[in-house]
Amino acid sequence: MAVSPDALLGEEGRGWELCERTLDLARIALAAEQVGAAEMCLDMSVEYAKVRKQFGRPIGSFQAIKHKCADMLMMVESARSAAFYASALASQGDASIDEAASSAKAFCSDTFFHCASENIQIHGGIGFTWEHPAHMYFKRAKAAEALFGDPAFHRERVAQRMGL
């Protein structure tokens, strides 16, 4: 089947730029999803830490659990900022969203995977079972990490944009 010349999208020979722009928009959308899922892992962890008791007190009163939750919160808020920034550039039609999209994708992937892992650790044995949703977040974090390029790919992409 032949395609007529008037069906051309954009300028001839510049298709990769259009494809890369579309991928950057998808990366930004995925980063936003990862932030939401990481926040859900944080919320699940904090709630569980308040109700699960060990040695007669909530596990959230132990320093190790407090620090895990605090670290998760800082990562989620930082990831949210990266995703918002990339989204703002995209909504303004900024042509140079590539660096922001890659930065957001790399950091949000790391954040989601970290939060999903910590969620399982805080929940202990129940977090590994099919009866608890923590395992689904962990699996989604691992799959989303590779989608549209893994964090190492995006860090390299940012480094190249910096001239390194």
N, C-alpha and C. Protein backbone atom coordinates (compact mmCIF):
# COMPACT_ATOMS: atom_id res chain seq x y z
N MET A 1 0.84 -1.17 0.00
CA MET A 1 0.00 0.00 0.00
C MET A 1 0.89 1.24 0.00
N ALA A 2 0.68 2.10 -0.92
CA ALA A 2 1.46 3.34 -1.05
C ALA A 2 0.82 4.45 -0.24
N VAL A 3 1.66 5.29 0.32
CA VAL A 3 1.20 6.44 1.10
C VAL A 3 1.53 7.68 0.28
N SER A 4 0.55 8.55 0.16
CA SER A 4 0.76 9.75 -0.65
C SER A 4 1.66 10.74 0.08
N PRO A 5 2.37 11.58 -0.69
CA PRO A 5 3.29 12.55 -0.07
C PRO A 5 2.59 13.55 0.87
N ASP A 6 1.31 13.79 0.67
CA ASP A 6 0.62 14.74 1.55
C ASP A 6 0.30 14.16 2.93
N ALA A 7 0.59 12.87 3.14
CA ALA A 7 0.37 12.23 4.43
C ALA A 7 1.57 12.40 5.37
N LEU A 8 2.61 13.08 4.89
CA LEU A 8 3.82 13.29 5.67
C LEU A 8 3.53 14.14 6.90
N LEU A 9 3.99 13.68 8.05
CA LEU A 9 3.87 14.44 9.30
C LEU A 9 5.15 15.23 9.49
N GLY A 10 5.06 16.51 9.61
CA GLY A 10 6.25 17.33 9.81
C GLY A 10 7.06 17.45 8.53
N GLU A 11 8.35 17.73 8.71
CA GLU A 11 9.24 17.91 7.58
C GLU A 11 9.95 16.60 7.24
N GLU A 12 10.20 16.41 5.97
CA GLU A 12 10.90 15.20 5.52
C GLU A 12 12.28 15.13 6.16
N GLY A 13 12.65 13.95 6.63
CA GLY A 13 13.95 13.74 7.24
C GLY A 13 14.04 14.15 8.70
N ARG A 14 12.94 14.62 9.27
CA ARG A 14 12.97 15.06 10.67
C ARG A 14 12.02 14.23 11.53
N GLY A 15 11.77 13.02 11.10
CA GLY A 15 10.85 12.14 11.82
C GLY A 15 11.34 11.73 13.19
N TRP A 16 12.67 11.54 13.32
CA TRP A 16 13.19 11.11 14.61
C TRP A 16 12.96 12.18 15.68
N GLU A 17 13.06 13.45 15.30
CA GLU A 17 12.82 14.53 16.26
C GLU A 17 11.38 14.48 16.78
N LEU A 18 10.44 14.21 15.88
CA LEU A 18 9.04 14.10 16.27
C LEU A 18 8.82 12.90 17.18
N CYS A 19 9.47 11.80 16.82
CA CYS A 19 9.36 10.59 17.64
C CYS A 19 9.97 10.82 19.03
N GLU A 20 11.12 11.47 19.08
CA GLU A 20 11.80 11.74 20.36
C GLU A 20 10.96 12.67 21.23
N ARG A 21 10.32 13.66 20.63
CA ARG A 21 9.44 14.58 21.37
C ARG A 21 8.26 13.80 21.97
N THR A 22 7.69 12.91 21.18
CA THR A 22 6.57 12.09 21.67
C THR A 22 7.02 11.20 22.83
N LEU A 23 8.20 10.62 22.69
CA LEU A 23 8.74 9.79 23.78
C LEU A 23 9.00 10.63 25.03
N ASP A 24 9.48 11.85 24.86
CA ASP A 24 9.70 12.72 26.03
C ASP A 24 8.39 13.01 26.75
N LEU A 25 7.33 13.25 26.00
CA LEU A 25 6.02 13.48 26.62
C LEU A 25 5.55 12.23 27.37
N ALA A 26 5.78 11.06 26.78
CA ALA A 26 5.42 9.80 27.45
C ALA A 26 6.25 9.60 28.71
N ARG A 27 7.52 9.98 28.66
CA ARG A 27 8.39 9.85 29.83
C ARG A 27 7.92 10.76 30.97
N ILE A 28 7.47 11.94 30.61
CA ILE A 28 6.97 12.87 31.62
C ILE A 28 5.69 12.32 32.25
N ALA A 29 4.81 11.77 31.43
CA ALA A 29 3.58 11.18 31.95
C ALA A 29 3.89 10.00 32.86
N LEU A 30 4.84 9.17 32.47
CA LEU A 30 5.23 8.03 33.30
C LEU A 30 5.85 8.50 34.61
N ALA A 31 6.66 9.54 34.55
CA ALA A 31 7.26 10.08 35.78
C ALA A 31 6.18 10.52 36.76
N ALA A 32 5.13 11.16 36.25
CA ALA A 32 4.03 11.60 37.11
C ALA A 32 3.33 10.38 37.74
N GLU A 33 3.14 9.34 36.94
CA GLU A 33 2.54 8.11 37.48
C GLU A 33 3.42 7.51 38.56
N GLN A 34 4.72 7.51 38.34
CA GLN A 34 5.65 6.94 39.31
C GLN A 34 5.62 7.72 40.62
N VAL A 35 5.49 9.03 40.54
CA VAL A 35 5.39 9.84 41.75
C VAL A 35 4.15 9.45 42.55
N GLY A 36 3.02 9.31 41.87
CA GLY A 36 1.79 8.93 42.55
C GLY A 36 1.89 7.56 43.20
N ALA A 37 2.50 6.63 42.50
CA ALA A 37 2.65 5.27 43.05
C ALA A 37 3.64 5.26 44.21
N ALA A 38 4.72 6.03 44.10
CA ALA A 38 5.68 6.12 45.20
C ALA A 38 5.03 6.73 46.44
N GLU A 39 4.18 7.72 46.20
CA GLU A 39 3.47 8.34 47.33
C GLU A 39 2.51 7.33 47.97
N MET A 40 1.90 6.50 47.17
CA MET A 40 1.01 5.47 47.72
C MET A 40 1.81 4.48 48.57
N CYS A 41 2.99 4.12 48.12
CA CYS A 41 3.86 3.23 48.92
C CYS A 41 4.22 3.89 50.24
N LEU A 42 4.53 5.17 50.19
CA LEU A 42 4.83 5.92 51.41
C LEU A 42 3.62 5.92 52.35
N ASP A 43 2.45 6.23 51.82
CA ASP A 43 1.24 6.26 52.65
C ASP A 43 0.94 4.90 53.28
N MET A 44 1.11 3.84 52.49
CA MET A 44 0.88 2.49 53.02
C MET A 44 1.87 2.19 54.15
N SER A 45 3.12 2.59 53.96
CA SER A 45 4.15 2.34 54.97
C SER A 45 3.88 3.10 56.26
N VAL A 46 3.54 4.36 56.14
CA VAL A 46 3.27 5.18 57.33
C VAL A 46 2.06 4.65 58.09
N GLU A 47 1.01 4.32 57.36
CA GLU A 47 -0.19 3.80 58.02
C GLU A 47 0.11 2.49 58.76
N TYR A 48 0.85 1.60 58.10
CA TYR A 48 1.19 0.33 58.73
C TYR A 48 2.08 0.55 59.95
N ALA A 49 3.04 1.48 59.83
CA ALA A 49 3.95 1.77 60.94
C ALA A 49 3.21 2.31 62.16
N LYS A 50 2.06 2.92 61.94
CA LYS A 50 1.26 3.44 63.06
C LYS A 50 0.46 2.35 63.77
N VAL A 51 0.07 1.31 63.04
CA VAL A 51 -0.81 0.30 63.65
C VAL A 51 -0.09 -1.00 64.04
N ARG A 52 1.01 -1.33 63.39
CA ARG A 52 1.73 -2.57 63.70
C ARG A 52 2.53 -2.37 64.96
N LYS A 53 2.32 -3.26 65.92
CA LYS A 53 3.02 -3.14 67.21
C LYS A 53 4.07 -4.24 67.34
N GLN A 54 5.17 -3.85 67.93
CA GLN A 54 6.24 -4.77 68.24
C GLN A 54 6.83 -4.32 69.57
N PHE A 55 7.04 -5.25 70.46
CA PHE A 55 7.56 -4.94 71.80
C PHE A 55 6.66 -3.95 72.53
N GLY A 56 5.37 -4.04 72.27
CA GLY A 56 4.39 -3.23 72.98
C GLY A 56 4.21 -1.81 72.48
N ARG A 57 4.81 -1.48 71.34
CA ARG A 57 4.63 -0.12 70.81
C ARG A 57 4.62 -0.15 69.28
N PRO A 58 4.05 0.87 68.64
CA PRO A 58 3.99 0.90 67.18
C PRO A 58 5.39 0.90 66.57
N ILE A 59 5.57 0.17 65.48
CA ILE A 59 6.90 0.10 64.87
C ILE A 59 7.34 1.47 64.34
N GLY A 60 6.40 2.36 64.11
CA GLY A 60 6.73 3.71 63.67
C GLY A 60 7.44 4.52 64.73
N SER A 61 7.46 4.03 65.96
CA SER A 61 8.17 4.75 67.02
C SER A 61 9.66 4.40 67.03
N PHE A 62 10.05 3.39 66.24
CA PHE A 62 11.46 2.99 66.19
C PHE A 62 12.20 3.86 65.18
N GLN A 63 13.40 4.26 65.53
CA GLN A 63 14.17 5.20 64.72
C GLN A 63 14.39 4.69 63.29
N ALA A 64 14.67 3.43 63.13
CA ALA A 64 14.95 2.89 61.80
C ALA A 64 13.73 3.06 60.87
N ILE A 65 12.54 2.81 61.39
CA ILE A 65 11.32 2.95 60.59
C ILE A 65 11.03 4.42 60.33
N LYS A 66 11.22 5.25 61.35
CA LYS A 66 11.02 6.70 61.18
C LYS A 66 11.91 7.23 60.05
N HIS A 67 13.17 6.82 60.06
CA HIS A 67 14.11 7.32 59.06
C HIS A 67 13.77 6.81 57.66
N LYS A 68 13.34 5.56 57.57
CA LYS A 68 12.92 5.03 56.27
C LYS A 68 11.77 5.87 55.71
N CYS A 69 10.80 6.14 56.54
CA CYS A 69 9.63 6.92 56.10
C CYS A 69 10.01 8.37 55.76
N ALA A 70 10.88 8.95 56.54
CA ALA A 70 11.33 10.32 56.27
C ALA A 70 12.10 10.39 54.96
N ASP A 71 12.97 9.41 54.72
CA ASP A 71 13.72 9.37 53.46
C ASP A 71 12.78 9.20 52.28
N MET A 72 11.77 8.34 52.45
CA MET A 72 10.80 8.15 51.38
C MET A 72 10.06 9.46 51.08
N LEU A 73 9.67 10.17 52.12
CA LEU A 73 8.96 11.44 51.93
C LEU A 73 9.83 12.44 51.17
N MET A 74 11.09 12.56 51.55
CA MET A 74 11.98 13.50 50.86
C MET A 74 12.16 13.12 49.40
N MET A 75 12.29 11.84 49.12
CA MET A 75 12.44 11.40 47.73
C MET A 75 11.16 11.65 46.93
N VAL A 76 10.00 11.37 47.53
CA VAL A 76 8.73 11.59 46.82
C VAL A 76 8.55 13.07 46.50
N GLU A 77 8.84 13.94 47.44
CA GLU A 77 8.66 15.38 47.20
C GLU A 77 9.65 15.89 46.15
N SER A 78 10.86 15.38 46.17
CA SER A 78 11.84 15.77 45.15
C SER A 78 11.43 15.26 43.77
N ALA A 79 10.93 14.03 43.72
CA ALA A 79 10.46 13.46 42.46
C ALA A 79 9.27 14.24 41.93
N ARG A 80 8.39 14.63 42.82
CA ARG A 80 7.23 15.43 42.42
C ARG A 80 7.68 16.74 41.77
N SER A 81 8.68 17.37 42.35
CA SER A 81 9.21 18.61 41.79
C SER A 81 9.79 18.39 40.39
N ALA A 82 10.52 17.31 40.22
CA ALA A 82 11.11 17.00 38.90
C ALA A 82 10.02 16.76 37.87
N ALA A 83 8.99 16.01 38.26
CA ALA A 83 7.88 15.73 37.33
C ALA A 83 7.09 16.99 37.02
N PHE A 84 6.84 17.82 38.03
CA PHE A 84 6.12 19.09 37.80
C PHE A 84 6.90 20.00 36.85
N TYR A 85 8.20 20.10 37.06
CA TYR A 85 9.02 20.96 36.22
C TYR A 85 8.96 20.50 34.76
N ALA A 86 9.15 19.21 34.55
CA ALA A 86 9.09 18.68 33.18
C ALA A 86 7.71 18.88 32.58
N SER A 87 6.68 18.68 33.38
CA SER A 87 5.30 18.89 32.90
C SER A 87 5.05 20.35 32.54
N ALA A 88 5.59 21.26 33.34
CA ALA A 88 5.41 22.69 33.07
C ALA A 88 6.07 23.06 31.74
N LEU A 89 7.28 22.56 31.52
CA LEU A 89 7.95 22.83 30.25
C LEU A 89 7.15 22.28 29.07
N ALA A 90 6.64 21.08 29.24
CA ALA A 90 5.86 20.45 28.16
C ALA A 90 4.57 21.23 27.89
N SER A 91 3.91 21.68 28.94
CA SER A 91 2.64 22.41 28.76
C SER A 91 2.86 23.78 28.14
N GLN A 92 4.05 24.34 28.30
CA GLN A 92 4.38 25.63 27.69
C GLN A 92 4.87 25.46 26.25
N GLY A 93 4.98 24.21 25.81
CA GLY A 93 5.46 23.95 24.45
C GLY A 93 6.95 24.17 24.30
N ASP A 94 7.68 24.12 25.38
CA ASP A 94 9.13 24.32 25.34
C ASP A 94 9.77 23.22 24.49
N ALA A 95 10.56 23.61 23.53
CA ALA A 95 11.19 22.65 22.63
C ALA A 95 12.32 21.88 23.29
N SER A 96 12.82 22.36 24.41
CA SER A 96 13.97 21.72 25.06
C SER A 96 13.54 20.94 26.30
N ILE A 97 12.53 20.10 26.15
CA ILE A 97 12.07 19.32 27.31
C ILE A 97 12.89 18.04 27.51
N ASP A 98 13.78 17.74 26.58
CA ASP A 98 14.50 16.47 26.64
C ASP A 98 15.27 16.27 27.93
N GLU A 99 16.00 17.29 28.38
CA GLU A 99 16.78 17.16 29.61
C GLU A 99 15.87 17.02 30.83
N ALA A 100 14.82 17.81 30.88
CA ALA A 100 13.88 17.74 32.00
C ALA A 100 13.14 16.41 32.01
N ALA A 101 12.76 15.92 30.83
CA ALA A 101 12.06 14.64 30.74
C ALA A 101 12.96 13.50 31.21
N SER A 102 14.22 13.52 30.79
CA SER A 102 15.15 12.47 31.21
C SER A 102 15.47 12.56 32.70
N SER A 103 15.65 13.77 33.20
CA SER A 103 15.92 13.94 34.63
C SER A 103 14.75 13.42 35.46
N ALA A 104 13.54 13.79 35.06
CA ALA A 104 12.35 13.35 35.78
C ALA A 104 12.20 11.84 35.71
N LYS A 105 12.39 11.27 34.52
CA LYS A 105 12.23 9.83 34.36
C LYS A 105 13.23 9.07 35.21
N ALA A 106 14.49 9.50 35.20
CA ALA A 106 15.52 8.81 35.99
C ALA A 106 15.23 8.90 37.49
N PHE A 107 14.97 10.11 37.96
CA PHE A 107 14.77 10.29 39.40
C PHE A 107 13.47 9.66 39.88
N CYS A 108 12.40 9.80 39.12
CA CYS A 108 11.12 9.22 39.53
C CYS A 108 11.16 7.70 39.50
N SER A 109 11.90 7.12 38.56
CA SER A 109 12.07 5.67 38.53
C SER A 109 12.80 5.19 39.78
N ASP A 110 13.89 5.86 40.11
CA ASP A 110 14.64 5.49 41.32
C ASP A 110 13.79 5.65 42.57
N THR A 111 13.03 6.73 42.63
CA THR A 111 12.19 6.99 43.79
C THR A 111 11.12 5.93 43.96
N PHE A 112 10.42 5.62 42.88
CA PHE A 112 9.35 4.62 42.95
C PHE A 112 9.91 3.27 43.37
N PHE A 113 11.01 2.86 42.77
CA PHE A 113 11.59 1.56 43.12
C PHE A 113 12.04 1.54 44.58
N HIS A 114 12.67 2.62 45.01
CA HIS A 114 13.12 2.70 46.41
C HIS A 114 11.92 2.62 47.37
N CYS A 115 10.89 3.39 47.09
CA CYS A 115 9.71 3.41 47.97
C CYS A 115 8.99 2.07 47.97
N ALA A 116 8.90 1.44 46.82
CA ALA A 116 8.25 0.12 46.75
C ALA A 116 9.06 -0.91 47.54
N SER A 117 10.38 -0.82 47.46
CA SER A 117 11.24 -1.74 48.23
C SER A 117 11.11 -1.50 49.72
N GLU A 118 11.14 -0.25 50.12
CA GLU A 118 11.02 0.08 51.55
C GLU A 118 9.64 -0.29 52.08
N ASN A 119 8.62 -0.14 51.26
CA ASN A 119 7.26 -0.52 51.65
C ASN A 119 7.22 -2.00 52.03
N ILE A 120 7.85 -2.82 51.23
CA ILE A 120 7.90 -4.25 51.53
C ILE A 120 8.70 -4.50 52.81
N GLN A 121 9.82 -3.81 52.97
CA GLN A 121 10.64 -3.99 54.16
C GLN A 121 9.88 -3.59 55.43
N ILE A 122 9.17 -2.48 55.37
CA ILE A 122 8.43 -2.01 56.54
C ILE A 122 7.29 -2.97 56.89
N HIS A 123 6.66 -3.51 55.86
CA HIS A 123 5.57 -4.46 56.11
C HIS A 123 6.06 -5.83 56.54
N GLY A 124 7.32 -6.11 56.33
CA GLY A 124 7.86 -7.41 56.73
C GLY A 124 7.30 -8.53 55.89
N GLY A 125 7.08 -9.68 56.49
CA GLY A 125 6.64 -10.88 55.78
C GLY A 125 5.36 -10.70 54.99
N ILE A 126 4.41 -9.95 55.51
CA ILE A 126 3.13 -9.77 54.82
C ILE A 126 3.33 -9.04 53.49
N GLY A 127 4.36 -8.20 53.39
CA GLY A 127 4.61 -7.44 52.17
C GLY A 127 5.01 -8.30 50.98
N PHE A 128 5.47 -9.51 51.25
CA PHE A 128 5.89 -10.42 50.19
C PHE A 128 4.76 -11.32 49.70
N THR A 129 3.63 -11.29 50.35
CA THR A 129 2.56 -12.23 50.02
C THR A 129 1.62 -11.67 48.96
N TRP A 130 0.88 -12.58 48.34
CA TRP A 130 -0.13 -12.20 47.34
C TRP A 130 -1.31 -11.50 47.99
N GLU A 131 -1.49 -11.67 49.29
CA GLU A 131 -2.63 -11.08 49.98
C GLU A 131 -2.47 -9.58 50.21
N HIS A 132 -1.27 -9.08 50.03
CA HIS A 132 -1.01 -7.65 50.29
C HIS A 132 -0.61 -6.96 48.98
N PRO A 133 -1.08 -5.74 48.74
CA PRO A 133 -0.79 -5.07 47.47
C PRO A 133 0.65 -4.56 47.32
N ALA A 134 1.47 -4.64 48.34
CA ALA A 134 2.84 -4.12 48.25
C ALA A 134 3.61 -4.77 47.11
N HIS A 135 3.39 -6.06 46.88
CA HIS A 135 4.14 -6.74 45.82
C HIS A 135 3.78 -6.20 44.44
N MET A 136 2.54 -5.74 44.26
CA MET A 136 2.13 -5.19 42.96
C MET A 136 2.85 -3.88 42.67
N TYR A 137 3.03 -3.05 43.69
CA TYR A 137 3.76 -1.81 43.50
C TYR A 137 5.23 -2.09 43.18
N PHE A 138 5.78 -3.09 43.83
CA PHE A 138 7.17 -3.46 43.56
C PHE A 138 7.34 -3.92 42.12
N LYS A 139 6.43 -4.77 41.65
CA LYS A 139 6.52 -5.25 40.26
C LYS A 139 6.33 -4.12 39.27
N ARG A 140 5.39 -3.23 39.55
CA ARG A 140 5.16 -2.09 38.65
C ARG A 140 6.37 -1.16 38.66
N ALA A 141 6.99 -0.97 39.80
CA ALA A 141 8.17 -0.11 39.88
C ALA A 141 9.30 -0.67 39.00
N LYS A 142 9.48 -1.97 39.05
CA LYS A 142 10.55 -2.59 38.25
C LYS A 142 10.24 -2.49 36.77
N ALA A 143 9.00 -2.72 36.39
CA ALA A 143 8.62 -2.64 34.97
C ALA A 143 8.71 -1.20 34.46
N ALA A 144 8.24 -0.24 35.25
CA ALA A 144 8.25 1.16 34.84
C ALA A 144 9.68 1.71 34.77
N GLU A 145 10.56 1.14 35.57
CA GLU A 145 11.95 1.56 35.56
C GLU A 145 12.56 1.37 34.17
N ALA A 146 12.22 0.29 33.50
CA ALA A 146 12.78 -0.01 32.18
C ALA A 146 12.01 0.65 31.03
N LEU A 147 10.78 1.01 31.26
CA LEU A 147 9.94 1.58 30.21
C LEU A 147 10.48 2.93 29.73
N PHE A 148 10.61 3.09 28.43
CA PHE A 148 11.11 4.32 27.79
C PHE A 148 12.55 4.65 28.16
N GLY A 149 13.30 3.65 28.59
CA GLY A 149 14.71 3.85 28.94
C GLY A 149 14.91 3.82 30.44
N ASP A 150 15.90 3.05 30.87
CA ASP A 150 16.15 2.94 32.31
C ASP A 150 16.88 4.18 32.83
N PRO A 151 17.00 4.32 34.16
CA PRO A 151 17.64 5.51 34.72
C PRO A 151 19.07 5.75 34.21
N ALA A 152 19.84 4.70 33.98
CA ALA A 152 21.21 4.88 33.48
C ALA A 152 21.19 5.51 32.08
N PHE A 153 20.27 5.07 31.24
CA PHE A 153 20.13 5.65 29.90
C PHE A 153 19.82 7.14 30.00
N HIS A 154 18.92 7.50 30.89
CA HIS A 154 18.53 8.90 31.01
C HIS A 154 19.60 9.76 31.66
N ARG A 155 20.36 9.21 32.58
CA ARG A 155 21.48 9.96 33.15
C ARG A 155 22.53 10.23 32.07
N GLU A 156 22.78 9.25 31.24
CA GLU A 156 23.72 9.43 30.13
C GLU A 156 23.20 10.47 29.15
N ARG A 157 21.91 10.45 28.90
CA ARG A 157 21.29 11.42 27.99
C ARG A 157 21.45 12.85 28.54
N VAL A 158 21.23 13.01 29.84
CA VAL A 158 21.41 14.32 30.47
C VAL A 158 22.89 14.74 30.39
N ALA A 159 23.78 13.82 30.67
CA ALA A 159 25.22 14.13 30.62
C ALA A 159 25.62 14.57 29.21
N GLN A 160 25.10 13.93 28.19
CA GLN A 160 25.40 14.31 26.82
C GLN A 160 24.89 15.71 26.51
N ARG A 161 23.70 16.05 27.01
CA ARG A 161 23.15 17.40 26.81
C ARG A 161 24.01 18.45 27.49
N MET A 162 24.71 18.02 28.55
CA MET A 162 25.60 18.93 29.27
C MET A 162 26.97 19.04 28.60
N GLY A 163 27.17 18.24 27.57
CA GLY A 163 28.44 18.26 26.88
C GLY A 163 29.49 17.37 27.50
N LEU A 164 29.07 16.45 28.32
CA LEU A 164 30.04 15.54 28.97
C LEU A 164 30.13 14.21 28.24
